[in-house]
Every structure is written in C-alpha cells, then in structure tokens.
Amino acid sequence: MSEPTVFERIVAGEIPSSKVFENDRLLGIRDIKPQAPVHLLVFPKSADYANVTELAAGDPALLAEIVSTAQQLADEHCGGQYRLVFNTGAAAGQTVFHVHAHVLGGGLTEGSL
C-alpha cells in the first residue's frame, strides 16, 4: 500500500490547510505556494483517481462537480474570471498524484503562468 498523498492527509486533518470550501465529496483550499493572486485547489476527498483523465473516465459527475465548485469559488474570490488547470503527469508539473484542479485568478496577465 502506498503512502497517503498530501491531500489525503489534509482531508484526515493530519496537515492544516486554509479551507475555502467543503462538502461531502470535495475540499477547496488555498495553495501554500500560490502562482497567482488567487490560487485555490479543488480536489475529491477520496484518492480514487490520480489525474483528470482517470476521473473523467471513472466518475464524470465528480469531474463536473469539481468544475462547478471551481466556478463558485472564482465567483467568490476573483469576480468569476479564472483559469482552471489540471496537470497530468510529472513532466506536465503534476507533483501530487491525487486529481486536483488549480483555480487561478485575480489579475492574471498573459504569460504570467
């Protein structure tokens, strides 16, 4: 059995986080190393899917819920204008292999990411 991901440890309360959203299936937190004025992460509480491609194939309703939650958080935190990013694979910048969406906003400029 593999070690729990940082997101599993956050869900379990082992690692503190700055929560901005929570329901029975999802958690939204502030990124600890923000890449934009608003940088939030939205992820499932379960670690069933390593990336967005697996999630889309295995539970498209959960993917839709992540996107809907991202929009809700963007409305609350950056006027509804945002970038939604899913990194898939280490070469693409994925460092935690527990599917998660980056919600980036608040004064982004072209080429800022």
PDB file of N, CA and C in Angstrom:
ATOM      1  N   MET A   1       0.852  -1.182   0.000  1.00  0.00           N
ATOM      2  CA  MET A   1       0.000   0.000   0.000  1.00  0.00           C
ATOM      3  C   MET A   1       0.895   1.242   0.000  1.00  0.00           C
ATOM      4  N   SER A   2       0.536   2.219  -0.804  1.00  0.00           N
ATOM      5  CA  SER A   2       1.351   3.424  -0.923  1.00  0.00           C
ATOM      6  C   SER A   2       1.051   4.401   0.214  1.00  0.00           C
ATOM      7  N   GLU A   3       1.973   5.331   0.392  1.00  0.00           N
ATOM      8  CA  GLU A   3       1.803   6.388   1.386  1.00  0.00           C
ATOM      9  C   GLU A   3       0.621   7.275   1.000  1.00  0.00           C
ATOM     10  N   PRO A   4      -0.099   7.804   1.979  1.00  0.00           N
ATOM     11  CA  PRO A   4      -1.190   8.727   1.652  1.00  0.00           C
ATOM     12  C   PRO A   4      -0.640  10.002   1.010  1.00  0.00           C
ATOM     13  N   THR A   5      -1.400  10.554   0.083  1.00  0.00           N
ATOM     14  CA  THR A   5      -0.995  11.814  -0.543  1.00  0.00           C
ATOM     15  C   THR A   5      -1.197  12.953   0.451  1.00  0.00           C
ATOM     16  N   VAL A   6      -0.596  14.087   0.146  1.00  0.00           N
ATOM     17  CA  VAL A   6      -0.762  15.260   0.995  1.00  0.00           C
ATOM     18  C   VAL A   6      -2.243  15.635   1.089  1.00  0.00           C
ATOM     19  N   PHE A   7      -3.003  15.440   0.015  1.00  0.00           N
ATOM     20  CA  PHE A   7      -4.434  15.772   0.056  1.00  0.00           C
ATOM     21  C   PHE A   7      -5.203  14.812   0.965  1.00  0.00           C
ATOM     22  N   GLU A   8      -4.844  13.535   0.951  1.00  0.00           N
ATOM     23  CA  GLU A   8      -5.477  12.593   1.874  1.00  0.00           C
ATOM     24  C   GLU A   8      -5.173  12.976   3.319  1.00  0.00           C
ATOM     25  N   ARG A   9      -3.959  13.427   3.561  1.00  0.00           N
ATOM     26  CA  ARG A   9      -3.560  13.836   4.910  1.00  0.00           C
ATOM     27  C   ARG A   9      -4.276  15.117   5.332  1.00  0.00           C
ATOM     28  N   ILE A  10      -4.531  16.020   4.390  1.00  0.00           N
ATOM     29  CA  ILE A  10      -5.310  17.226   4.692  1.00  0.00           C
ATOM     30  C   ILE A  10      -6.744  16.845   5.041  1.00  0.00           C
ATOM     31  N   VAL A  11      -7.351  15.970   4.224  1.00  0.00           N
ATOM     32  CA  VAL A  11      -8.726  15.517   4.482  1.00  0.00           C
ATOM     33  C   VAL A  11      -8.821  14.859   5.860  1.00  0.00           C
ATOM     34  N   ALA A  12      -7.792  14.081   6.227  1.00  0.00           N
ATOM     35  CA  ALA A  12      -7.789  13.380   7.519  1.00  0.00           C
ATOM     36  C   ALA A  12      -7.496  14.313   8.698  1.00  0.00           C
ATOM     37  N   GLY A  13      -7.139  15.562   8.424  1.00  0.00           N
ATOM     38  CA  GLY A  13      -6.841  16.504   9.480  1.00  0.00           C
ATOM     39  C   GLY A  13      -5.421  16.401  10.011  1.00  0.00           C
ATOM     40  N   GLU A  14      -4.574  15.646   9.324  1.00  0.00           N
ATOM     41  CA  GLU A  14      -3.179  15.476   9.764  1.00  0.00           C
ATOM     42  C   GLU A  14      -2.314  16.674   9.388  1.00  0.00           C
ATOM     43  N   ILE A  15      -2.696  17.389   8.331  1.00  0.00           N
ATOM     44  CA  ILE A  15      -1.970  18.560   7.861  1.00  0.00           C
ATOM     45  C   ILE A  15      -2.961  19.720   7.840  1.00  0.00           C
ATOM     46  N   PRO A  16      -2.596  20.858   8.433  1.00  0.00           N
ATOM     47  CA  PRO A  16      -3.522  22.001   8.409  1.00  0.00           C
ATOM     48  C   PRO A  16      -3.626  22.589   7.005  1.00  0.00           C
ATOM     49  N   SER A  17      -4.759  23.208   6.743  1.00  0.00           N
ATOM     50  CA  SER A  17      -4.977  23.869   5.453  1.00  0.00           C
ATOM     51  C   SER A  17      -5.888  25.061   5.670  1.00  0.00           C
ATOM     52  N   SER A  18      -5.903  25.917   4.679  1.00  0.00           N
ATOM     53  CA  SER A  18      -6.793  27.067   4.693  1.00  0.00           C
ATOM     54  C   SER A  18      -7.984  26.736   3.796  1.00  0.00           C
ATOM     55  N   LYS A  19      -9.026  26.160   4.386  1.00  0.00           N
ATOM     56  CA  LYS A  19     -10.192  25.706   3.639  1.00  0.00           C
ATOM     57  C   LYS A  19     -11.023  26.890   3.159  1.00  0.00           C
ATOM     58  N   VAL A  20     -11.460  26.783   1.910  1.00  0.00           N
ATOM     59  CA  VAL A  20     -12.384  27.773   1.352  1.00  0.00           C
ATOM     60  C   VAL A  20     -13.698  27.118   0.937  1.00  0.00           C
ATOM     61  N   PHE A  21     -13.735  25.785   0.921  1.00  0.00           N
ATOM     62  CA  PHE A  21     -14.940  25.053   0.523  1.00  0.00           C
ATOM     63  C   PHE A  21     -14.844  23.634   1.053  1.00  0.00           C
ATOM     64  N   GLU A  22     -15.986  23.090   1.466  1.00  0.00           N
ATOM     65  CA  GLU A  22     -16.041  21.674   1.822  1.00  0.00           C
ATOM     66  C   GLU A  22     -17.470  21.186   1.699  1.00  0.00           C
ATOM     67  N   ASN A  23     -17.610  19.998   1.108  1.00  0.00           N
ATOM     68  CA  ASN A  23     -18.871  19.276   1.145  1.00  0.00           C
ATOM     69  C   ASN A  23     -18.537  17.806   1.373  1.00  0.00           C
ATOM     70  N   ASP A  24     -19.485  16.915   1.167  1.00  0.00           N
ATOM     71  CA  ASP A  24     -19.222  15.509   1.468  1.00  0.00           C
ATOM     72  C   ASP A  24     -18.217  14.856   0.515  1.00  0.00           C
ATOM     73  N   ARG A  25     -18.028  15.419  -0.700  1.00  0.00           N
ATOM     74  CA  ARG A  25     -17.139  14.789  -1.681  1.00  0.00           C
ATOM     75  C   ARG A  25     -15.893  15.600  -2.031  1.00  0.00           C
ATOM     76  N   LEU A  26     -15.927  16.908  -1.787  1.00  0.00           N
ATOM     77  CA  LEU A  26     -14.840  17.781  -2.247  1.00  0.00           C
ATOM     78  C   LEU A  26     -14.306  18.660  -1.132  1.00  0.00           C
ATOM     79  N   LEU A  27     -13.067  19.100  -1.353  1.00  0.00           N
ATOM     80  CA  LEU A  27     -12.452  20.084  -0.487  1.00  0.00           C
ATOM     81  C   LEU A  27     -11.805  21.143  -1.364  1.00  0.00           C
ATOM     82  N   GLY A  28     -11.912  22.391  -0.967  1.00  0.00           N
ATOM     83  CA  GLY A  28     -11.245  23.505  -1.634  1.00  0.00           C
ATOM     84  C   GLY A  28     -10.360  24.207  -0.625  1.00  0.00           C
ATOM     85  N   ILE A  29      -9.087  24.436  -0.997  1.00  0.00           N
ATOM     86  CA  ILE A  29      -8.131  25.059  -0.087  1.00  0.00           C
ATOM     87  C   ILE A  29      -7.312  26.108  -0.835  1.00  0.00           C
ATOM     88  N   ARG A  30      -6.649  26.978  -0.087  1.00  0.00           N
ATOM     89  CA  ARG A  30      -5.685  27.909  -0.670  1.00  0.00           C
ATOM     90  C   ARG A  30      -4.379  27.155  -0.895  1.00  0.00           C
ATOM     91  N   ASP A  31      -3.748  27.390  -2.033  1.00  0.00           N
ATOM     92  CA  ASP A  31      -2.454  26.772  -2.325  1.00  0.00           C
ATOM     93  C   ASP A  31      -1.397  27.403  -1.428  1.00  0.00           C
ATOM     94  N   ILE A  32      -0.500  26.591  -0.885  1.00  0.00           N
ATOM     95  CA  ILE A  32       0.525  27.131   0.015  1.00  0.00           C
ATOM     96  C   ILE A  32       1.677  27.802  -0.739  1.00  0.00           C
ATOM     97  N   LYS A  33       1.751  27.576  -2.046  1.00  0.00           N
ATOM     98  CA  LYS A  33       2.753  28.244  -2.888  1.00  0.00           C
ATOM     99  C   LYS A  33       2.035  28.864  -4.082  1.00  0.00           C
ATOM    100  N   PRO A  34       1.275  29.931  -3.846  1.00  0.00           N
ATOM    101  CA  PRO A  34       0.423  30.483  -4.914  1.00  0.00           C
ATOM    102  C   PRO A  34       1.222  30.979  -6.117  1.00  0.00           C
ATOM    103  N   GLN A  35       0.668  30.714  -7.288  1.00  0.00           N
ATOM    104  CA  GLN A  35       1.239  31.141  -8.558  1.00  0.00           C
ATOM    105  C   GLN A  35       0.447  32.289  -9.174  1.00  0.00           C
ATOM    106  N   ALA A  36      -0.527  32.803  -8.440  1.00  0.00           N
ATOM    107  CA  ALA A  36      -1.381  33.906  -8.890  1.00  0.00           C
ATOM    108  C   ALA A  36      -1.957  34.554  -7.637  1.00  0.00           C
ATOM    109  N   PRO A  37      -2.487  35.780  -7.762  1.00  0.00           N
ATOM    110  CA  PRO A  37      -3.089  36.423  -6.589  1.00  0.00           C
ATOM    111  C   PRO A  37      -4.159  35.557  -5.912  1.00  0.00           C
ATOM    112  N   VAL A  38      -4.948  34.845  -6.696  1.00  0.00           N
ATOM    113  CA  VAL A  38      -5.881  33.848  -6.170  1.00  0.00           C
ATOM    114  C   VAL A  38      -5.436  32.501  -6.724  1.00  0.00           C
ATOM    115  N   HIS A  39      -5.089  31.588  -5.833  1.00  0.00           N
ATOM    116  CA  HIS A  39      -4.671  30.241  -6.249  1.00  0.00           C
ATOM    117  C   HIS A  39      -5.275  29.256  -5.265  1.00  0.00           C
ATOM    118  N   LEU A  40      -6.349  28.622  -5.710  1.00  0.00           N
ATOM    119  CA  LEU A  40      -7.081  27.666  -4.902  1.00  0.00           C
ATOM    120  C   LEU A  40      -6.956  26.288  -5.520  1.00  0.00           C
ATOM    121  N   LEU A  41      -7.095  25.265  -4.705  1.00  0.00           N
ATOM    122  CA  LEU A  41      -7.094  23.880  -5.177  1.00  0.00           C
ATOM    123  C   LEU A  41      -8.428  23.257  -4.816  1.00  0.00           C
ATOM    124  N   VAL A  42      -8.996  22.514  -5.751  1.00  0.00           N
ATOM    125  CA  VAL A  42     -10.239  21.789  -5.515  1.00  0.00           C
ATOM    126  C   VAL A  42      -9.963  20.328  -5.824  1.00  0.00           C
ATOM    127  N   PHE A  43     -10.288  19.442  -4.887  1.00  0.00           N
ATOM    128  CA  PHE A  43      -9.990  18.023  -5.082  1.00  0.00           C
ATOM    129  C   PHE A  43     -11.009  17.149  -4.352  1.00  0.00           C
ATOM    130  N   PRO A  44     -11.169  15.914  -4.856  1.00  0.00           N
ATOM    131  CA  PRO A  44     -12.055  14.974  -4.176  1.00  0.00           C
ATOM    132  C   PRO A  44     -11.448  14.541  -2.847  1.00  0.00           C
ATOM    133  N   LYS A  45     -12.288  14.225  -1.906  1.00  0.00           N
ATOM    134  CA  LYS A  45     -11.803  13.711  -0.630  1.00  0.00           C
ATOM    135  C   LYS A  45     -11.239  12.305  -0.783  1.00  0.00           C
ATOM    136  N   SER A  46     -11.717  11.555  -1.746  1.00  0.00           N
ATOM    137  CA  SER A  46     -11.183  10.216  -1.981  1.00  0.00           C
ATOM    138  C   SER A  46     -10.013  10.307  -2.952  1.00  0.00           C
ATOM    139  N   ALA A  47      -9.103   9.374  -2.829  1.00  0.00           N
ATOM    140  CA  ALA A  47      -7.913   9.340  -3.689  1.00  0.00           C
ATOM    141  C   ALA A  47      -8.057   8.298  -4.794  1.00  0.00           C
ATOM    142  N   ASP A  48      -9.273   8.090  -5.259  1.00  0.00           N
ATOM    143  CA  ASP A  48      -9.528   7.048  -6.257  1.00  0.00           C
ATOM    144  C   ASP A  48      -8.907   7.345  -7.615  1.00  0.00           C
ATOM    145  N   TYR A  49      -8.656   8.610  -7.922  1.00  0.00           N
ATOM    146  CA  TYR A  49      -8.179   8.990  -9.258  1.00  0.00           C
ATOM    147  C   TYR A  49      -6.911   9.822  -9.139  1.00  0.00           C
ATOM    148  N   ALA A  50      -5.902   9.446  -9.895  1.00  0.00           N
ATOM    149  CA  ALA A  50      -4.616  10.150  -9.853  1.00  0.00           C
ATOM    150  C   ALA A  50      -4.625  11.419 -10.687  1.00  0.00           C
ATOM    151  N   ASN A  51      -5.431  11.444 -11.755  1.00  0.00           N
ATOM    152  CA  ASN A  51      -5.419  12.608 -12.652  1.00  0.00           C
ATOM    153  C   ASN A  51      -6.797  12.808 -13.274  1.00  0.00           C
ATOM    154  N   VAL A  52      -6.930  13.899 -14.003  1.00  0.00           N
ATOM    155  CA  VAL A  52      -8.233  14.270 -14.556  1.00  0.00           C
ATOM    156  C   VAL A  52      -8.719  13.286 -15.617  1.00  0.00           C
ATOM    157  N   THR A  53      -7.812  12.660 -16.344  1.00  0.00           N
ATOM    158  CA  THR A  53      -8.220  11.689 -17.358  1.00  0.00           C
ATOM    159  C   THR A  53      -8.860  10.470 -16.698  1.00  0.00           C
ATOM    160  N   GLU A  54      -8.251   9.990 -15.627  1.00  0.00           N
ATOM    161  CA  GLU A  54      -8.848   8.872 -14.884  1.00  0.00           C
ATOM    162  C   GLU A  54     -10.203   9.269 -14.305  1.00  0.00           C
ATOM    163  N   LEU A  55     -10.290  10.475 -13.767  1.00  0.00           N
ATOM    164  CA  LEU A  55     -11.545  10.941 -13.185  1.00  0.00           C
ATOM    165  C   LEU A  55     -12.641  11.047 -14.239  1.00  0.00           C
ATOM    166  N   ALA A  56     -12.322  11.604 -15.396  1.00  0.00           N
ATOM    167  CA  ALA A  56     -13.315  11.763 -16.468  1.00  0.00           C
ATOM    168  C   ALA A  56     -13.864  10.404 -16.900  1.00  0.00           C
ATOM    169  N   ALA A  57     -12.997   9.401 -16.961  1.00  0.00           N
ATOM    170  CA  ALA A  57     -13.434   8.063 -17.365  1.00  0.00           C
ATOM    171  C   ALA A  57     -14.201   7.357 -16.249  1.00  0.00           C
ATOM    172  N   GLY A  58     -13.787   7.578 -14.999  1.00  0.00           N
ATOM    173  CA  GLY A  58     -14.356   6.819 -13.891  1.00  0.00           C
ATOM    174  C   GLY A  58     -15.552   7.450 -13.209  1.00  0.00           C
ATOM    175  N   ASP A  59     -15.610   8.784 -13.171  1.00  0.00           N
ATOM    176  CA  ASP A  59     -16.699   9.461 -12.466  1.00  0.00           C
ATOM    177  C   ASP A  59     -16.907  10.857 -13.053  1.00  0.00           C
ATOM    178  N   PRO A  60     -17.486  10.926 -14.259  1.00  0.00           N
ATOM    179  CA  PRO A  60     -17.670  12.234 -14.890  1.00  0.00           C
ATOM    180  C   PRO A  60     -18.524  13.197 -14.064  1.00  0.00           C
ATOM    181  N   ALA A  61     -19.429  12.688 -13.258  1.00  0.00           N
ATOM    182  CA  ALA A  61     -20.247  13.569 -12.419  1.00  0.00           C
ATOM    183  C   ALA A  61     -19.383  14.267 -11.369  1.00  0.00           C
ATOM    184  N   LEU A  62     -18.394  13.579 -10.839  1.00  0.00           N
ATOM    185  CA  LEU A  62     -17.492  14.183  -9.874  1.00  0.00           C
ATOM    186  C   LEU A  62     -16.618  15.242 -10.549  1.00  0.00           C
ATOM    187  N   LEU A  63     -16.191  14.993 -11.764  1.00  0.00           N
ATOM    188  CA  LEU A  63     -15.441  15.999 -12.515  1.00  0.00           C
ATOM    189  C   LEU A  63     -16.309  17.239 -12.731  1.00  0.00           C
ATOM    190  N   ALA A  64     -17.561  17.045 -13.101  1.00  0.00           N
ATOM    191  CA  ALA A  64     -18.467  18.179 -13.285  1.00  0.00           C
ATOM    192  C   ALA A  64     -18.649  18.946 -11.977  1.00  0.00           C
ATOM    193  N   GLU A  65     -18.679  18.248 -10.861  1.00  0.00           N
ATOM    194  CA  GLU A  65     -18.818  18.897  -9.561  1.00  0.00           C
ATOM    195  C   GLU A  65     -17.566  19.727  -9.235  1.00  0.00           C
ATOM    196  N   ILE A  66     -16.392  19.221  -9.593  1.00  0.00           N
ATOM    197  CA  ILE A  66     -15.160  19.989  -9.384  1.00  0.00           C
ATOM    198  C   ILE A  66     -15.213  21.278 -10.205  1.00  0.00           C
ATOM    199  N   VAL A  67     -15.618  21.176 -11.463  1.00  0.00           N
ATOM    200  CA  VAL A  67     -15.687  22.355 -12.328  1.00  0.00           C
ATOM    201  C   VAL A  67     -16.716  23.352 -11.798  1.00  0.00           C
ATOM    202  N   SER A  68     -17.855  22.877 -11.375  1.00  0.00           N
ATOM    203  CA  SER A  68     -18.885  23.744 -10.817  1.00  0.00           C
ATOM    204  C   SER A  68     -18.399  24.431  -9.539  1.00  0.00           C
ATOM    205  N   THR A  69     -17.708  23.698  -8.706  1.00  0.00           N
ATOM    206  CA  THR A  69     -17.162  24.265  -7.473  1.00  0.00           C
ATOM    207  C   THR A  69     -16.084  25.298  -7.795  1.00  0.00           C
ATOM    208  N   ALA A  70     -15.269  25.020  -8.796  1.00  0.00           N
ATOM    209  CA  ALA A  70     -14.257  25.989  -9.225  1.00  0.00           C
ATOM    210  C   ALA A  70     -14.922  27.297  -9.647  1.00  0.00           C
ATOM    211  N   GLN A  71     -16.012  27.208 -10.387  1.00  0.00           N
ATOM    212  CA  GLN A  71     -16.726  28.414 -10.799  1.00  0.00           C
ATOM    213  C   GLN A  71     -17.270  29.165  -9.586  1.00  0.00           C
ATOM    214  N   GLN A  72     -17.854  28.450  -8.656  1.00  0.00           N
ATOM    215  CA  GLN A  72     -18.392  29.068  -7.437  1.00  0.00           C
ATOM    216  C   GLN A  72     -17.284  29.790  -6.673  1.00  0.00           C
ATOM    217  N   LEU A  73     -16.134  29.143  -6.524  1.00  0.00           N
ATOM    218  CA  LEU A  73     -15.020  29.764  -5.802  1.00  0.00           C
ATOM    219  C   LEU A  73     -14.470  30.965  -6.565  1.00  0.00           C
ATOM    220  N   ALA A  74     -14.403  30.866  -7.887  1.00  0.00           N
ATOM    221  CA  ALA A  74     -13.947  32.002  -8.693  1.00  0.00           C
ATOM    222  C   ALA A  74     -14.916  33.174  -8.563  1.00  0.00           C
ATOM    223  N   ASP A  75     -16.208  32.892  -8.533  1.00  0.00           N
ATOM    224  CA  ASP A  75     -17.196  33.954  -8.324  1.00  0.00           C
ATOM    225  C   ASP A  75     -16.944  34.654  -6.993  1.00  0.00           C
ATOM    226  N   GLU A  76     -16.636  33.885  -5.965  1.00  0.00           N
ATOM    227  CA  GLU A  76     -16.439  34.430  -4.620  1.00  0.00           C
ATOM    228  C   GLU A  76     -15.097  35.148  -4.454  1.00  0.00           C
ATOM    229  N   HIS A  77     -14.063  34.660  -5.104  1.00  0.00           N
ATOM    230  CA  HIS A  77     -12.703  35.125  -4.808  1.00  0.00           C
ATOM    231  C   HIS A  77     -12.060  35.992  -5.886  1.00  0.00           C
ATOM    232  N   CYS A  78     -12.578  35.937  -7.115  1.00  0.00           N
ATOM    233  CA  CYS A  78     -11.922  36.723  -8.175  1.00  0.00           C
ATOM    234  C   CYS A  78     -12.892  37.166  -9.261  1.00  0.00           C
ATOM    235  N   GLY A  79     -14.092  37.503  -8.869  1.00  0.00           N
ATOM    236  CA  GLY A  79     -15.039  38.087  -9.809  1.00  0.00           C
ATOM    237  C   GLY A  79     -15.462  37.182 -10.950  1.00  0.00           C
ATOM    238  N   GLY A  80     -15.312  35.877 -10.781  1.00  0.00           N
ATOM    239  CA  GLY A  80     -15.777  34.922 -11.783  1.00  0.00           C
ATOM    240  C   GLY A  80     -14.847  34.717 -12.961  1.00  0.00           C
ATOM    241  N   GLN A  81     -13.736  35.429 -12.992  1.00  0.00           N
ATOM    242  CA  GLN A  81     -12.779  35.261 -14.084  1.00  0.00           C
ATOM    243  C   GLN A  81     -11.591  34.469 -13.557  1.00  0.00           C
ATOM    244  N   TYR A  82     -11.282  33.371 -14.218  1.00  0.00           N
ATOM    245  CA  TYR A  82     -10.265  32.481 -13.683  1.00  0.00           C
ATOM    246  C   TYR A  82      -9.711  31.564 -14.757  1.00  0.00           C
ATOM    247  N   ARG A  83      -8.631  30.941 -14.398  1.00  0.00           N
ATOM    248  CA  ARG A  83      -8.017  29.896 -15.208  1.00  0.00           C
ATOM    249  C   ARG A  83      -8.182  28.603 -14.414  1.00  0.00           C
ATOM    250  N   LEU A  84      -8.593  27.534 -15.071  1.00  0.00           N
ATOM    251  CA  LEU A  84      -8.749  26.236 -14.422  1.00  0.00           C
ATOM    252  C   LEU A  84      -7.718  25.290 -15.022  1.00  0.00           C
ATOM    253  N   VAL A  85      -6.831  24.756 -14.180  1.00  0.00           N
ATOM    254  CA  VAL A  85      -5.710  23.954 -14.664  1.00  0.00           C
ATOM    255  C   VAL A  85      -5.703  22.597 -13.964  1.00  0.00           C
ATOM    256  N   PHE A  86      -5.566  21.553 -14.762  1.00  0.00           N
ATOM    257  CA  PHE A  86      -5.322  20.193 -14.265  1.00  0.00           C
ATOM    258  C   PHE A  86      -3.984  19.748 -14.854  1.00  0.00           C
ATOM    259  N   ASN A  87      -2.993  19.510 -14.026  1.00  0.00           N
ATOM    260  CA  ASN A  87      -1.730  18.960 -14.510  1.00  0.00           C
ATOM    261  C   ASN A  87      -1.852  17.441 -14.517  1.00  0.00           C
ATOM    262  N   THR A  88      -1.388  16.816 -15.594  1.00  0.00           N
ATOM    263  CA  THR A  88      -1.471  15.363 -15.708  1.00  0.00           C
ATOM    264  C   THR A  88      -0.105  14.824 -16.082  1.00  0.00           C
ATOM    265  N   GLY A  89       0.550  14.199 -15.102  1.00  0.00           N
ATOM    266  CA  GLY A  89       1.869  13.621 -15.307  1.00  0.00           C
ATOM    267  C   GLY A  89       2.978  14.514 -14.780  1.00  0.00           C
ATOM    268  N   ALA A  90       4.046  13.884 -14.324  1.00  0.00           N
ATOM    269  CA  ALA A  90       5.175  14.606 -13.736  1.00  0.00           C
ATOM    270  C   ALA A  90       5.791  15.601 -14.720  1.00  0.00           C
ATOM    271  N   ALA A  91       5.910  15.216 -15.977  1.00  0.00           N
ATOM    272  CA  ALA A  91       6.517  16.105 -16.974  1.00  0.00           C
ATOM    273  C   ALA A  91       5.651  17.338 -17.241  1.00  0.00           C
ATOM    274  N   ALA A  92       4.375  17.266 -16.867  1.00  0.00           N
ATOM    275  CA  ALA A  92       3.466  18.409 -17.031  1.00  0.00           C
ATOM    276  C   ALA A  92       3.327  19.211 -15.744  1.00  0.00           C
ATOM    277  N   GLY A  93       4.114  18.870 -14.729  1.00  0.00           N
ATOM    278  CA  GLY A  93       4.094  19.630 -13.493  1.00  0.00           C
ATOM    279  C   GLY A  93       3.249  19.041 -12.378  1.00  0.00           C
ATOM    280  N   GLN A  94       2.682  17.853 -12.582  1.00  0.00           N
ATOM    281  CA  GLN A  94       1.894  17.253 -11.506  1.00  0.00           C
ATOM    282  C   GLN A  94       2.846  16.713 -10.444  1.00  0.00           C
ATOM    283  N   THR A  95       2.672  17.175  -9.216  1.00  0.00           N
ATOM    284  CA  THR A  95       3.523  16.726  -8.114  1.00  0.00           C
ATOM    285  C   THR A  95       2.766  15.885  -7.097  1.00  0.00           C
ATOM    286  N   VAL A  96       1.443  16.000  -7.080  1.00  0.00           N
ATOM    287  CA  VAL A  96       0.609  15.192  -6.194  1.00  0.00           C
ATOM    288  C   VAL A  96      -0.312  14.369  -7.090  1.00  0.00           C
ATOM    289  N   PHE A  97      -0.208  13.054  -6.974  1.00  0.00           N
ATOM    290  CA  PHE A  97      -0.971  12.175  -7.868  1.00  0.00           C
ATOM    291  C   PHE A  97      -2.297  11.765  -7.216  1.00  0.00           C
ATOM    292  N   HIS A  98      -3.078  12.791  -6.960  1.00  0.00           N
ATOM    293  CA  HIS A  98      -4.444  12.758  -6.437  1.00  0.00           C
ATOM    294  C   HIS A  98      -5.106  13.881  -7.220  1.00  0.00           C
ATOM    295  N   VAL A  99      -6.044  13.556  -8.095  1.00  0.00           N
ATOM    296  CA  VAL A  99      -6.592  14.563  -9.016  1.00  0.00           C
ATOM    297  C   VAL A  99      -6.964  15.843  -8.273  1.00  0.00           C
ATOM    298  N   HIS A 100      -6.573  16.985  -8.844  1.00  0.00           N
ATOM    299  CA  HIS A 100      -6.912  18.275  -8.260  1.00  0.00           C
ATOM    300  C   HIS A 100      -6.891  19.348  -9.336  1.00  0.00           C
ATOM    301  N   ALA A 101      -7.741  20.328  -9.145  1.00  0.00           N
ATOM    302  CA  ALA A 101      -7.831  21.457 -10.068  1.00  0.00           C
ATOM    303  C   ALA A 101      -7.247  22.689  -9.399  1.00  0.00           C
ATOM    304  N   HIS A 102      -6.478  23.441 -10.173  1.00  0.00           N
ATOM    305  CA  HIS A 102      -5.960  24.730  -9.726  1.00  0.00           C
ATOM    306  C   HIS A 102      -6.909  25.808 -10.250  1.00  0.00           C
ATOM    307  N   VAL A 103      -7.428  26.636  -9.366  1.00  0.00           N
ATOM    308  CA  VAL A 103      -8.269  27.771  -9.727  1.00  0.00           C
ATOM    309  C   VAL A 103      -7.383  29.005  -9.552  1.00  0.00           C
ATOM    310  N   LEU A 104      -7.054  29.652 -10.682  1.00  0.00           N
ATOM    311  CA  LEU A 104      -6.122  30.768 -10.671  1.00  0.00           C
ATOM    312  C   LEU A 104      -6.838  32.017 -11.160  1.00  0.00           C
ATOM    313  N   GLY A 105      -6.678  33.110 -10.447  1.00  0.00           N
ATOM    314  CA  GLY A 105      -7.330  34.342 -10.875  1.00  0.00           C
ATOM    315  C   GLY A 105      -6.789  35.541 -10.128  1.00  0.00           C
ATOM    316  N   GLY A 106      -7.479  36.662 -10.321  1.00  0.00           N
ATOM    317  CA  GLY A 106      -7.107  37.856  -9.603  1.00  0.00           C
ATOM    318  C   GLY A 106      -5.950  38.619 -10.220  1.00  0.00           C
ATOM    319  N   GLY A 107      -6.124  39.114 -11.407  1.00  0.00           N
ATOM    320  CA  GLY A 107      -5.079  39.940 -12.001  1.00  0.00           C
ATOM    321  C   GLY A 107      -4.055  39.196 -12.807  1.00  0.00           C
ATOM    322  N   LEU A 108      -4.414  38.047 -13.345  1.00  0.00           N
ATOM    323  CA  LEU A 108      -3.502  37.312 -14.219  1.00  0.00           C
ATOM    324  C   LEU A 108      -3.268  38.108 -15.480  1.00  0.00           C
ATOM    325  N   THR A 109      -2.082  38.017 -16.002  1.00  0.00           N
ATOM    326  CA  THR A 109      -1.775  38.636 -17.292  1.00  0.00           C
ATOM    327  C   THR A 109      -1.298  37.556 -18.238  1.00  0.00           C
ATOM    328  N   GLU A 110      -1.395  37.815 -19.514  1.00  0.00           N
ATOM    329  CA  GLU A 110      -0.931  36.844 -20.498  1.00  0.00           C
ATOM    330  C   GLU A 110       0.543  36.560 -20.236  1.00  0.00           C
ATOM    331  N   GLY A 111       0.890  35.302 -20.186  1.00  0.00           N
ATOM    332  CA  GLY A 111       2.259  34.902 -19.939  1.00  0.00           C
ATOM    333  C   GLY A 111       2.633  34.836 -18.471  1.00  0.00           C
ATOM    334  N   SER A 112       1.672  35.072 -17.550  1.00  0.00           N
ATOM    335  CA  SER A 112       2.015  35.039 -16.131  1.00  0.00           C
ATOM    336  C   SER A 112       2.174  33.618 -15.608  1.00  0.00           C
ATOM    337  N   LEU A 113       1.690  32.641 -16.334  1.00  0.00           N
ATOM    338  CA  LEU A 113       1.857  31.237 -15.930  1.00  0.00           C
ATOM    339  C   LEU A 113       2.418  30.436 -17.061  1.00  0.00           C
TER     340      LEU A 113
END
